[in-house]
Amino acid sequence: AVSVYRNPADPYLSYRADVDYFPISWKKG
């Protein structure tokens, strides 16, 4: 019964497309 506002736009979308910050892949060593 609790109504919550949903953000239609992802604010991290531009960062994800430019610098490929998400997801982070760690390599051994």
PDB file of all heavy atoms in Angstrom:
ATOM      1  N   ALA A   1       0.811  -1.220   0.000  1.00  0.00           N
ATOM      2  CA  ALA A   1       0.000   0.000   0.000  1.00  0.00           C
ATOM      3  C   ALA A   1       0.842   1.266   0.000  1.00  0.00           C
ATOM      4  O   ALA A   1       0.303   2.355  -0.169  1.00  0.00           O
ATOM      5  CB  ALA A   1      -0.939   0.015   1.205  1.00  0.00           C
ATOM      6  N   VAL A   2       2.139   1.151   0.195  1.00  0.00           N
ATOM      7  CA  VAL A   2       3.041   2.303   0.193  1.00  0.00           C
ATOM      8  C   VAL A   2       3.466   2.566  -1.242  1.00  0.00           C
ATOM      9  O   VAL A   2       4.071   1.710  -1.893  1.00  0.00           O
ATOM     10  CB  VAL A   2       4.262   2.050   1.090  1.00  0.00           C
ATOM     11  CG1 VAL A   2       5.181   3.247   1.069  1.00  0.00           C
ATOM     12  CG2 VAL A   2       3.826   1.739   2.511  1.00  0.00           C
ATOM     13  N   SER A   3       3.115   3.738  -1.737  1.00  0.00           N
ATOM     14  CA  SER A   3       3.469   4.104  -3.107  1.00  0.00           C
ATOM     15  C   SER A   3       4.806   4.824  -3.109  1.00  0.00           C
ATOM     16  O   SER A   3       5.030   5.754  -2.341  1.00  0.00           O
ATOM     17  CB  SER A   3       2.384   5.004  -3.714  1.00  0.00           C
ATOM     18  OG  SER A   3       2.197   6.158  -2.914  1.00  0.00           O
ATOM     19  N   VAL A   4       5.726   4.388  -3.982  1.00  0.00           N
ATOM     20  CA  VAL A   4       7.078   4.918  -4.064  1.00  0.00           C
ATOM     21  C   VAL A   4       7.315   5.419  -5.478  1.00  0.00           C
ATOM     22  O   VAL A   4       6.906   4.774  -6.457  1.00  0.00           O
ATOM     23  CB  VAL A   4       8.130   3.850  -3.684  1.00  0.00           C
ATOM     24  CG1 VAL A   4       9.536   4.442  -3.717  1.00  0.00           C
ATOM     25  CG2 VAL A   4       7.837   3.292  -2.299  1.00  0.00           C
ATOM     26  N   TYR A   5       7.958   6.561  -5.581  1.00  0.00           N
ATOM     27  CA  TYR A   5       8.290   7.126  -6.884  1.00  0.00           C
ATOM     28  C   TYR A   5       9.401   6.309  -7.533  1.00  0.00           C
ATOM     29  O   TYR A   5      10.403   5.979  -6.889  1.00  0.00           O
ATOM     30  CB  TYR A   5       8.729   8.577  -6.722  1.00  0.00           C
ATOM     31  CG  TYR A   5       9.317   9.194  -7.965  1.00  0.00           C
ATOM     32  CD1 TYR A   5       8.508   9.622  -9.003  1.00  0.00           C
ATOM     33  CD2 TYR A   5      10.691   9.336  -8.105  1.00  0.00           C
ATOM     34  CE1 TYR A   5       9.050  10.185 -10.141  1.00  0.00           C
ATOM     35  CE2 TYR A   5      11.238   9.900  -9.241  1.00  0.00           C
ATOM     36  CZ  TYR A   5      10.404  10.328 -10.256  1.00  0.00           C
ATOM     37  OH  TYR A   5      10.956  10.870 -11.382  1.00  0.00           O
ATOM     38  N   ARG A   6       9.232   5.995  -8.791  1.00  0.00           N
ATOM     39  CA  ARG A   6      10.222   5.242  -9.549  1.00  0.00           C
ATOM     40  C   ARG A   6      10.889   6.164 -10.555  1.00  0.00           C
ATOM     41  O   ARG A   6      10.223   6.824 -11.347  1.00  0.00           O
ATOM     42  CB  ARG A   6       9.568   4.063 -10.281  1.00  0.00           C
ATOM     43  CG  ARG A   6       8.906   3.052  -9.341  1.00  0.00           C
ATOM     44  CD  ARG A   6       9.900   2.449  -8.384  1.00  0.00           C
ATOM     45  NE  ARG A   6       9.279   1.504  -7.479  1.00  0.00           N
ATOM     46  CZ  ARG A   6       9.928   0.889  -6.477  1.00  0.00           C
ATOM     47  NH1 ARG A   6      11.198   1.153  -6.254  1.00  0.00           N
ATOM     48  NH2 ARG A   6       9.291   0.044  -5.693  1.00  0.00           N
ATOM     49  N   ASN A   7      12.218   6.191 -10.508  1.00  0.00           N
ATOM     50  CA  ASN A   7      12.980   7.046 -11.411  1.00  0.00           C
ATOM     51  C   ASN A   7      13.084   6.377 -12.770  1.00  0.00           C
ATOM     52  O   ASN A   7      13.715   5.317 -12.888  1.00  0.00           O
ATOM     53  CB  ASN A   7      14.373   7.300 -10.833  1.00  0.00           C
ATOM     54  CG  ASN A   7      15.113   8.377 -11.582  1.00  0.00           C
ATOM     55  OD1 ASN A   7      14.600   8.966 -12.534  1.00  0.00           O
ATOM     56  ND2 ASN A   7      16.332   8.674 -11.154  1.00  0.00           N
ATOM     57  N   PRO A   8      12.492   6.932 -13.822  1.00  0.00           N
ATOM     58  CA  PRO A   8      12.550   6.255 -15.121  1.00  0.00           C
ATOM     59  C   PRO A   8      13.915   6.301 -15.774  1.00  0.00           C
ATOM     60  O   PRO A   8      14.225   5.470 -16.627  1.00  0.00           O
ATOM     61  CB  PRO A   8      11.507   7.022 -15.950  1.00  0.00           C
ATOM     62  CG  PRO A   8      11.476   8.389 -15.343  1.00  0.00           C
ATOM     63  CD  PRO A   8      11.719   8.183 -13.880  1.00  0.00           C
ATOM     64  N   ALA A   9      14.748   7.247 -15.408  1.00  0.00           N
ATOM     65  CA  ALA A   9      16.070   7.396 -16.029  1.00  0.00           C
ATOM     66  C   ALA A   9      17.147   6.970 -15.051  1.00  0.00           C
ATOM     67  O   ALA A   9      17.107   7.321 -13.870  1.00  0.00           O
ATOM     68  CB  ALA A   9      16.301   8.837 -16.468  1.00  0.00           C
ATOM     69  N   ASP A  10      18.125   6.191 -15.547  1.00  0.00           N
ATOM     70  CA  ASP A  10      19.250   5.754 -14.731  1.00  0.00           C
ATOM     71  C   ASP A  10      20.317   6.836 -14.764  1.00  0.00           C
ATOM     72  O   ASP A  10      20.887   7.122 -15.831  1.00  0.00           O
ATOM     73  CB  ASP A  10      19.803   4.432 -15.272  1.00  0.00           C
ATOM     74  CG  ASP A  10      20.882   3.861 -14.365  1.00  0.00           C
ATOM     75  OD1 ASP A  10      21.174   4.479 -13.329  1.00  0.00           O
ATOM     76  OD2 ASP A  10      21.431   2.795 -14.706  1.00  0.00           O
ATOM     77  N   PRO A  11      20.642   7.475 -13.639  1.00  0.00           N
ATOM     78  CA  PRO A  11      21.669   8.544 -13.678  1.00  0.00           C
ATOM     79  C   PRO A  11      23.063   8.030 -13.960  1.00  0.00           C
ATOM     80  O   PRO A  11      23.925   8.811 -14.356  1.00  0.00           O
ATOM     81  CB  PRO A  11      21.563   9.169 -12.281  1.00  0.00           C
ATOM     82  CG  PRO A  11      20.993   8.096 -11.421  1.00  0.00           C
ATOM     83  CD  PRO A  11      20.081   7.302 -12.295  1.00  0.00           C
ATOM     84  N   TYR A  12      23.308   6.723 -13.767  1.00  0.00           N
ATOM     85  CA  TYR A  12      24.634   6.164 -14.032  1.00  0.00           C
ATOM     86  C   TYR A  12      24.774   5.649 -15.452  1.00  0.00           C
ATOM     87  O   TYR A  12      25.808   5.075 -15.790  1.00  0.00           O
ATOM     88  CB  TYR A  12      24.909   5.013 -13.053  1.00  0.00           C
ATOM     89  CG  TYR A  12      25.051   5.474 -11.622  1.00  0.00           C
ATOM     90  CD1 TYR A  12      24.323   4.850 -10.611  1.00  0.00           C
ATOM     91  CD2 TYR A  12      25.902   6.511 -11.274  1.00  0.00           C
ATOM     92  CE1 TYR A  12      24.438   5.258  -9.295  1.00  0.00           C
ATOM     93  CE2 TYR A  12      26.029   6.924  -9.965  1.00  0.00           C
ATOM     94  CZ  TYR A  12      25.300   6.299  -8.977  1.00  0.00           C
ATOM     95  OH  TYR A  12      25.425   6.710  -7.685  1.00  0.00           O
ATOM     96  N   LEU A  13      23.759   5.849 -16.288  1.00  0.00           N
ATOM     97  CA  LEU A  13      23.824   5.297 -17.638  1.00  0.00           C
ATOM     98  C   LEU A  13      24.919   5.954 -18.463  1.00  0.00           C
ATOM     99  O   LEU A  13      25.641   5.272 -19.199  1.00  0.00           O
ATOM    100  CB  LEU A  13      22.468   5.474 -18.333  1.00  0.00           C
ATOM    101  CG  LEU A  13      22.334   4.851 -19.720  1.00  0.00           C
ATOM    102  CD1 LEU A  13      22.568   3.347 -19.644  1.00  0.00           C
ATOM    103  CD2 LEU A  13      20.965   5.143 -20.317  1.00  0.00           C
ATOM    104  N   SER A  14      25.095   7.249 -18.336  1.00  0.00           N
ATOM    105  CA  SER A  14      26.139   7.935 -19.108  1.00  0.00           C
ATOM    106  C   SER A  14      27.530   7.516 -18.662  1.00  0.00           C
ATOM    107  O   SER A  14      28.432   7.326 -19.491  1.00  0.00           O
ATOM    108  CB  SER A  14      25.976   9.447 -18.968  1.00  0.00           C
ATOM    109  OG  SER A  14      26.052   9.831 -17.600  1.00  0.00           O
ATOM    110  N   TYR A  15      27.721   7.333 -17.362  1.00  0.00           N
ATOM    111  CA  TYR A  15      29.031   6.887 -16.881  1.00  0.00           C
ATOM    112  C   TYR A  15      29.330   5.459 -17.312  1.00  0.00           C
ATOM    113  O   TYR A  15      30.462   5.121 -17.647  1.00  0.00           O
ATOM    114  CB  TYR A  15      29.083   6.993 -15.348  1.00  0.00           C
ATOM    115  CG  TYR A  15      28.932   8.392 -14.836  1.00  0.00           C
ATOM    116  CD1 TYR A  15      27.692   8.851 -14.382  1.00  0.00           C
ATOM    117  CD2 TYR A  15      30.007   9.268 -14.797  1.00  0.00           C
ATOM    118  CE1 TYR A  15      27.543  10.134 -13.901  1.00  0.00           C
ATOM    119  CE2 TYR A  15      29.868  10.558 -14.326  1.00  0.00           C
ATOM    120  CZ  TYR A  15      28.634  10.979 -13.881  1.00  0.00           C
ATOM    121  OH  TYR A  15      28.488  12.253 -13.406  1.00  0.00           O
ATOM    122  N   ARG A  16      28.304   4.633 -17.305  1.00  0.00           N
ATOM    123  CA  ARG A  16      28.508   3.248 -17.714  1.00  0.00           C
ATOM    124  C   ARG A  16      28.880   3.155 -19.195  1.00  0.00           C
ATOM    125  O   ARG A  16      29.681   2.317 -19.603  1.00  0.00           O
ATOM    126  CB  ARG A  16      27.239   2.440 -17.429  1.00  0.00           C
ATOM    127  CG  ARG A  16      27.421   0.952 -17.646  1.00  0.00           C
ATOM    128  CD  ARG A  16      26.125   0.179 -17.395  1.00  0.00           C
ATOM    129  NE  ARG A  16      25.687   0.282 -16.017  1.00  0.00           N
ATOM    130  CZ  ARG A  16      24.610   0.937 -15.628  1.00  0.00           C
ATOM    131  NH1 ARG A  16      23.861   1.552 -16.529  1.00  0.00           N
ATOM    132  NH2 ARG A  16      24.280   0.986 -14.362  1.00  0.00           N
ATOM    133  N   ALA A  17      28.301   4.028 -20.027  1.00  0.00           N
ATOM    134  CA  ALA A  17      28.602   3.979 -21.456  1.00  0.00           C
ATOM    135  C   ALA A  17      29.936   4.613 -21.789  1.00  0.00           C
ATOM    136  O   ALA A  17      30.614   4.201 -22.742  1.00  0.00           O
ATOM    137  CB  ALA A  17      27.486   4.676 -22.244  1.00  0.00           C
ATOM    138  N   ASP A  18      30.375   5.610 -21.020  1.00  0.00           N
ATOM    139  CA  ASP A  18      31.606   6.331 -21.350  1.00  0.00           C
ATOM    140  C   ASP A  18      32.849   5.634 -20.813  1.00  0.00           C
ATOM    141  O   ASP A  18      33.802   5.360 -21.543  1.00  0.00           O
ATOM    142  CB  ASP A  18      31.534   7.751 -20.804  1.00  0.00           C
ATOM    143  CG  ASP A  18      30.463   8.576 -21.500  1.00  0.00           C
ATOM    144  OD1 ASP A  18      30.054   8.170 -22.605  1.00  0.00           O
ATOM    145  OD2 ASP A  18      30.049   9.601 -20.935  1.00  0.00           O
ATOM    146  N   VAL A  19      32.854   5.319 -19.532  1.00  0.00           N
ATOM    147  CA  VAL A  19      34.065   4.803 -18.898  1.00  0.00           C
ATOM    148  C   VAL A  19      33.960   3.330 -18.575  1.00  0.00           C
ATOM    149  O   VAL A  19      34.932   2.760 -18.071  1.00  0.00           O
ATOM    150  CB  VAL A  19      34.387   5.604 -17.623  1.00  0.00           C
ATOM    151  CG1 VAL A  19      34.604   7.058 -17.952  1.00  0.00           C
ATOM    152  CG2 VAL A  19      33.261   5.474 -16.606  1.00  0.00           C
ATOM    153  N   ASP A  20      32.820   2.712 -18.848  1.00  0.00           N
ATOM    154  CA  ASP A  20      32.631   1.300 -18.547  1.00  0.00           C
ATOM    155  C   ASP A  20      32.946   1.021 -17.079  1.00  0.00           C
ATOM    156  O   ASP A  20      33.688   0.098 -16.741  1.00  0.00           O
ATOM    157  CB  ASP A  20      33.492   0.435 -19.474  1.00  0.00           C
ATOM    158  CG  ASP A  20      33.042  -1.019 -19.451  1.00  0.00           C
ATOM    159  OD1 ASP A  20      31.924  -1.262 -18.953  1.00  0.00           O
ATOM    160  OD2 ASP A  20      33.794  -1.872 -19.913  1.00  0.00           O
ATOM    161  N   TYR A  21      32.377   1.858 -16.202  1.00  0.00           N
ATOM    162  CA  TYR A  21      32.649   1.717 -14.777  1.00  0.00           C
ATOM    163  C   TYR A  21      31.919   0.538 -14.172  1.00  0.00           C
ATOM    164  O   TYR A  21      32.378  -0.054 -13.204  1.00  0.00           O
ATOM    165  CB  TYR A  21      32.246   3.004 -14.058  1.00  0.00           C
ATOM    166  CG  TYR A  21      32.628   3.022 -12.589  1.00  0.00           C
ATOM    167  CD1 TYR A  21      33.952   3.188 -12.198  1.00  0.00           C
ATOM    168  CD2 TYR A  21      31.659   2.850 -11.599  1.00  0.00           C
ATOM    169  CE1 TYR A  21      34.298   3.194 -10.866  1.00  0.00           C
ATOM    170  CE2 TYR A  21      31.996   2.854 -10.268  1.00  0.00           C
ATOM    171  CZ  TYR A  21      33.322   3.034  -9.910  1.00  0.00           C
ATOM    172  OH  TYR A  21      33.663   3.034  -8.586  1.00  0.00           O
ATOM    173  N   PHE A  22      30.750   0.180 -14.723  1.00  0.00           N
ATOM    174  CA  PHE A  22      29.990  -0.965 -14.240  1.00  0.00           C
ATOM    175  C   PHE A  22      29.877  -1.973 -15.354  1.00  0.00           C
ATOM    176  O   PHE A  22      29.600  -1.612 -16.516  1.00  0.00           O
ATOM    177  CB  PHE A  22      28.585  -0.531 -13.787  1.00  0.00           C
ATOM    178  CG  PHE A  22      28.601   0.347 -12.574  1.00  0.00           C
ATOM    179  CD1 PHE A  22      28.439   1.720 -12.698  1.00  0.00           C
ATOM    180  CD2 PHE A  22      28.787  -0.177 -11.311  1.00  0.00           C
ATOM    181  CE1 PHE A  22      28.456   2.532 -11.595  1.00  0.00           C
ATOM    182  CE2 PHE A  22      28.785   0.634 -10.208  1.00  0.00           C
ATOM    183  CZ  PHE A  22      28.636   1.993 -10.334  1.00  0.00           C
ATOM    184  N   PRO A  23      29.990  -3.249 -15.131  1.00  0.00           N
ATOM    185  CA  PRO A  23      30.438  -3.833 -13.864  1.00  0.00           C
ATOM    186  C   PRO A  23      31.951  -3.851 -13.759  1.00  0.00           C
ATOM    187  O   PRO A  23      32.657  -3.787 -14.759  1.00  0.00           O
ATOM    188  CB  PRO A  23      29.881  -5.253 -13.965  1.00  0.00           C
ATOM    189  CG  PRO A  23      29.898  -5.538 -15.408  1.00  0.00           C
ATOM    190  CD  PRO A  23      29.589  -4.260 -16.110  1.00  0.00           C
ATOM    191  N   ILE A  24      32.481  -3.959 -12.558  1.00  0.00           N
ATOM    192  CA  ILE A  24      33.917  -4.000 -12.312  1.00  0.00           C
ATOM    193  C   ILE A  24      34.387  -5.441 -12.364  1.00  0.00           C
ATOM    194  O   ILE A  24      33.840  -6.298 -11.680  1.00  0.00           O
ATOM    195  CB  ILE A  24      34.268  -3.369 -10.955  1.00  0.00           C
ATOM    196  CG1 ILE A  24      33.783  -1.907 -10.919  1.00  0.00           C
ATOM    197  CG2 ILE A  24      35.745  -3.443 -10.679  1.00  0.00           C
ATOM    198  CD1 ILE A  24      33.996  -1.231  -9.591  1.00  0.00           C
ATOM    199  N   SER A  25      35.363  -5.719 -13.188  1.00  0.00           N
ATOM    200  CA  SER A  25      35.928  -7.054 -13.301  1.00  0.00           C
ATOM    201  C   SER A  25      37.345  -7.039 -12.762  1.00  0.00           C
ATOM    202  O   SER A  25      38.198  -6.271 -13.221  1.00  0.00           O
ATOM    203  CB  SER A  25      35.929  -7.512 -14.771  1.00  0.00           C
ATOM    204  OG  SER A  25      36.680  -6.631 -15.556  1.00  0.00           O
ATOM    205  N   TRP A  26      37.595  -7.859 -11.767  1.00  0.00           N
ATOM    206  CA  TRP A  26      38.896  -7.931 -11.120  1.00  0.00           C
ATOM    207  C   TRP A  26      39.684  -9.112 -11.692  1.00  0.00           C
ATOM    208  O   TRP A  26      39.132 -10.189 -11.890  1.00  0.00           O
ATOM    209  CB  TRP A  26      38.755  -8.092  -9.611  1.00  0.00           C
ATOM    210  CG  TRP A  26      38.054  -6.933  -8.984  1.00  0.00           C
ATOM    211  CD1 TRP A  26      36.752  -6.828  -8.681  1.00  0.00           C
ATOM    212  CD2 TRP A  26      38.647  -5.706  -8.599  1.00  0.00           C
ATOM    213  NE1 TRP A  26      36.445  -5.632  -8.124  1.00  0.00           N
ATOM    214  CE2 TRP A  26      37.607  -4.901  -8.046  1.00  0.00           C
ATOM    215  CE3 TRP A  26      39.952  -5.187  -8.639  1.00  0.00           C
ATOM    216  CZ2 TRP A  26      37.837  -3.616  -7.544  1.00  0.00           C
ATOM    217  CZ3 TRP A  26      40.146  -3.919  -8.146  1.00  0.00           C
ATOM    218  CH2 TRP A  26      39.126  -3.135  -7.611  1.00  0.00           C
ATOM    219  N   LYS A  27      40.945  -8.879 -11.969  1.00  0.00           N
ATOM    220  CA  LYS A  27      41.813  -9.938 -12.472  1.00  0.00           C
ATOM    221  C   LYS A  27      42.813 -10.350 -11.400  1.00  0.00           C
ATOM    222  O   LYS A  27      43.287  -9.517 -10.629  1.00  0.00           O
ATOM    223  CB  LYS A  27      42.571  -9.459 -13.709  1.00  0.00           C
ATOM    224  CG  LYS A  27      41.656  -9.140 -14.876  1.00  0.00           C
ATOM    225  CD  LYS A  27      42.480  -8.723 -16.100  1.00  0.00           C
ATOM    226  CE  LYS A  27      41.557  -8.405 -17.271  1.00  0.00           C
ATOM    227  NZ  LYS A  27      42.337  -7.973 -18.458  1.00  0.00           N
ATOM    228  N   LYS A  28      43.138 -11.611 -11.402  1.00  0.00           N
ATOM    229  CA  LYS A  28      44.062 -12.123 -10.399  1.00  0.00           C
ATOM    230  C   LYS A  28      45.456 -11.573 -10.645  1.00  0.00           C
ATOM    231  O   LYS A  28      45.967 -11.610 -11.778  1.00  0.00           O
ATOM    232  CB  LYS A  28      44.069 -13.650 -10.438  1.00  0.00           C
ATOM    233  CG  LYS A  28      44.875 -14.271  -9.308  1.00  0.00           C
ATOM    234  CD  LYS A  28      44.792 -15.781  -9.362  1.00  0.00           C
ATOM    235  CE  LYS A  28      45.589 -16.403  -8.226  1.00  0.00           C
ATOM    236  NZ  LYS A  28      45.493 -17.884  -8.231  1.00  0.00           N
ATOM    237  N   GLY A  29      46.110 -11.086  -9.595  1.00  0.00           N
ATOM    238  CA  GLY A  29      47.471 -10.568  -9.705  1.00  0.00           C
ATOM    239  C   GLY A  29      47.541  -9.080  -9.905  1.00  0.00           C
ATOM    240  O   GLY A  29      48.647  -8.519  -9.889  1.00  0.00           O
TER     241      GLY A  29
END
